[in-house]
Protein backbone atom coordinates (compact mmCIF):
# COMPACT_ATOMS: atom_id res chain seq x y z
CA MET A 1 32.12 -22.68 12.24
CA GLU A 2 30.16 -24.16 9.55
CA ILE A 3 27.78 -21.89 7.67
CA THR A 4 24.33 -22.73 6.26
CA PHE A 5 21.75 -20.61 4.70
CA GLU A 6 18.09 -20.48 5.58
CA LYS A 7 17.22 -19.14 2.15
CA LYS A 8 18.03 -19.60 -1.20
CA TYR A 9 18.82 -15.99 -2.21
CA LEU A 10 21.30 -15.72 0.88
CA SER A 11 23.25 -18.40 -0.46
CA GLU A 12 23.22 -17.09 -3.94
CA LEU A 13 24.44 -13.55 -2.71
CA TYR A 14 27.48 -15.47 -0.97
CA TYR A 15 28.72 -18.11 -3.88
CA LYS A 16 27.32 -16.17 -7.03
CA GLY A 17 27.47 -12.31 -6.02
CA LYS A 18 23.83 -11.86 -7.18
CA THR A 19 20.48 -13.24 -6.81
CA SER A 20 17.83 -14.59 -9.09
CA ASP A 21 15.13 -13.04 -7.06
CA LYS A 22 14.40 -9.49 -7.83
CA LYS A 23 13.13 -8.64 -4.60
CA HIS A 24 16.65 -8.94 -2.65
CA ARG A 25 18.92 -6.91 -5.02
CA PHE A 26 21.88 -5.17 -3.26
CA GLN A 27 24.59 -2.66 -4.30
CA PRO A 28 27.98 -4.15 -5.32
CA GLU A 29 29.74 -2.90 -2.25
CA VAL A 30 26.92 -4.36 -0.02
CA ILE A 31 27.37 -7.93 -1.75
CA LYS A 32 31.32 -7.54 -1.23
CA ARG A 33 30.73 -6.68 2.52
CA TYR A 34 28.11 -9.51 3.08
CA LYS A 35 30.82 -12.16 1.47
CA LEU A 36 33.59 -10.88 3.98
CA ARG A 37 31.18 -10.98 7.09
CA ILE A 38 30.21 -14.60 6.22
CA GLU A 39 33.84 -15.27 5.51
CA ALA A 40 34.38 -13.96 9.07
CA LEU A 41 31.89 -16.20 10.71
CA GLU A 42 33.02 -19.06 8.63
CA SER A 43 36.65 -18.68 10.42
CA ALA A 44 35.58 -17.99 13.77
CA ASP A 45 36.41 -21.03 16.01
CA CYS A 46 33.29 -20.15 18.33
CA VAL A 47 30.77 -17.35 18.40
CA GLU A 48 32.89 -15.55 21.49
CA ASP A 49 35.42 -14.92 18.92
CA LEU A 50 32.85 -12.26 17.07
CA PHE A 51 33.17 -9.95 20.14
CA GLN A 52 36.47 -9.37 19.86
CA ILE A 53 36.30 -7.84 15.98
CA ASN A 54 34.74 -4.65 16.96
CA ALA A 55 33.74 -3.86 13.22
CA LEU A 56 31.17 -6.50 13.30
CA HIS A 57 29.07 -5.00 16.01
CA TYR A 58 28.13 -8.53 16.93
CA GLU A 59 25.01 -8.56 19.28
CA VAL A 60 22.49 -10.96 20.47
CA LEU A 61 19.02 -9.63 19.38
CA LYS A 62 15.99 -9.38 22.17
CA GLY A 63 12.16 -9.07 22.30
CA GLY A 64 10.60 -10.70 18.90
CA LYS A 65 13.95 -11.71 17.46
CA THR A 66 15.11 -13.85 20.74
CA GLY A 67 17.57 -16.49 19.48
CA ILE A 68 18.94 -14.56 16.83
CA SER A 69 22.18 -12.90 16.81
CA SER A 70 23.40 -10.18 14.22
CA ILE A 71 26.70 -8.71 12.79
CA ARG A 72 26.80 -5.55 10.70
CA VAL A 73 27.62 -5.68 6.99
CA ASN A 74 27.72 -1.83 6.85
CA ASP A 75 26.04 1.15 8.45
CA LYS A 76 23.01 0.47 6.88
CA TYR A 77 22.65 -3.34 6.59
CA ARG A 78 23.08 -6.46 9.30
CA ILE A 79 23.37 -10.18 9.01
CA GLU A 80 20.80 -12.13 11.25
CA PHE A 81 21.68 -15.56 12.01
CA ARG A 82 21.10 -18.40 14.35
CA THR A 83 23.90 -20.72 15.89
CA SER A 84 23.56 -24.25 17.05
CA LYS A 85 25.98 -27.13 18.07
CA ILE A 86 26.05 -30.38 16.18
CA GLU A 87 28.50 -32.55 17.92
CA SER A 88 31.36 -30.41 18.35
CA GLU A 89 31.02 -27.97 15.39
CA THR A 90 29.04 -24.72 15.89
CA VAL A 91 26.73 -24.07 12.64
CA VAL A 92 25.68 -20.52 11.91
CA THR A 93 22.37 -20.41 10.04
CA VAL A 94 22.26 -17.18 8.11
CA CYS A 95 18.78 -16.06 8.39
CA ASN A 96 18.13 -12.54 6.64
CA ILE A 97 20.07 -9.53 5.71
CA VAL A 98 18.23 -6.83 7.03
CA GLU A 99 18.30 -2.88 6.33
CA LEU A 100 18.62 -1.17 9.80
CA SER A 101 15.63 1.10 10.65
CA ASN A 102 16.13 4.92 11.24
CA HIS A 103 16.69 4.58 15.05
CA TYR A 104 19.83 2.71 14.33
CA ARG A 105 21.40 5.52 12.59
């Protein structure tokens, strides 16, 4: 799958390991796991492959986030993304890295 990033800070986290945006700072361990999760998305042949990797906790979100899927970075954070088809290629657009609220813990 091809990976694109909706926001600049998401791209910087993946390629540089840090952001120039002071609002989006994360612990080194979170950034390391974020990079590993993006690599897992990139190496998957299709979205259905993500169901087979239990550690990702892949889910399709509902309610106000219809059309967005997520995978877990760790117990505290998840990556939200959209998928689309361009010709025969699946494109994953990473939308956000979100801290999970208390009701998920």
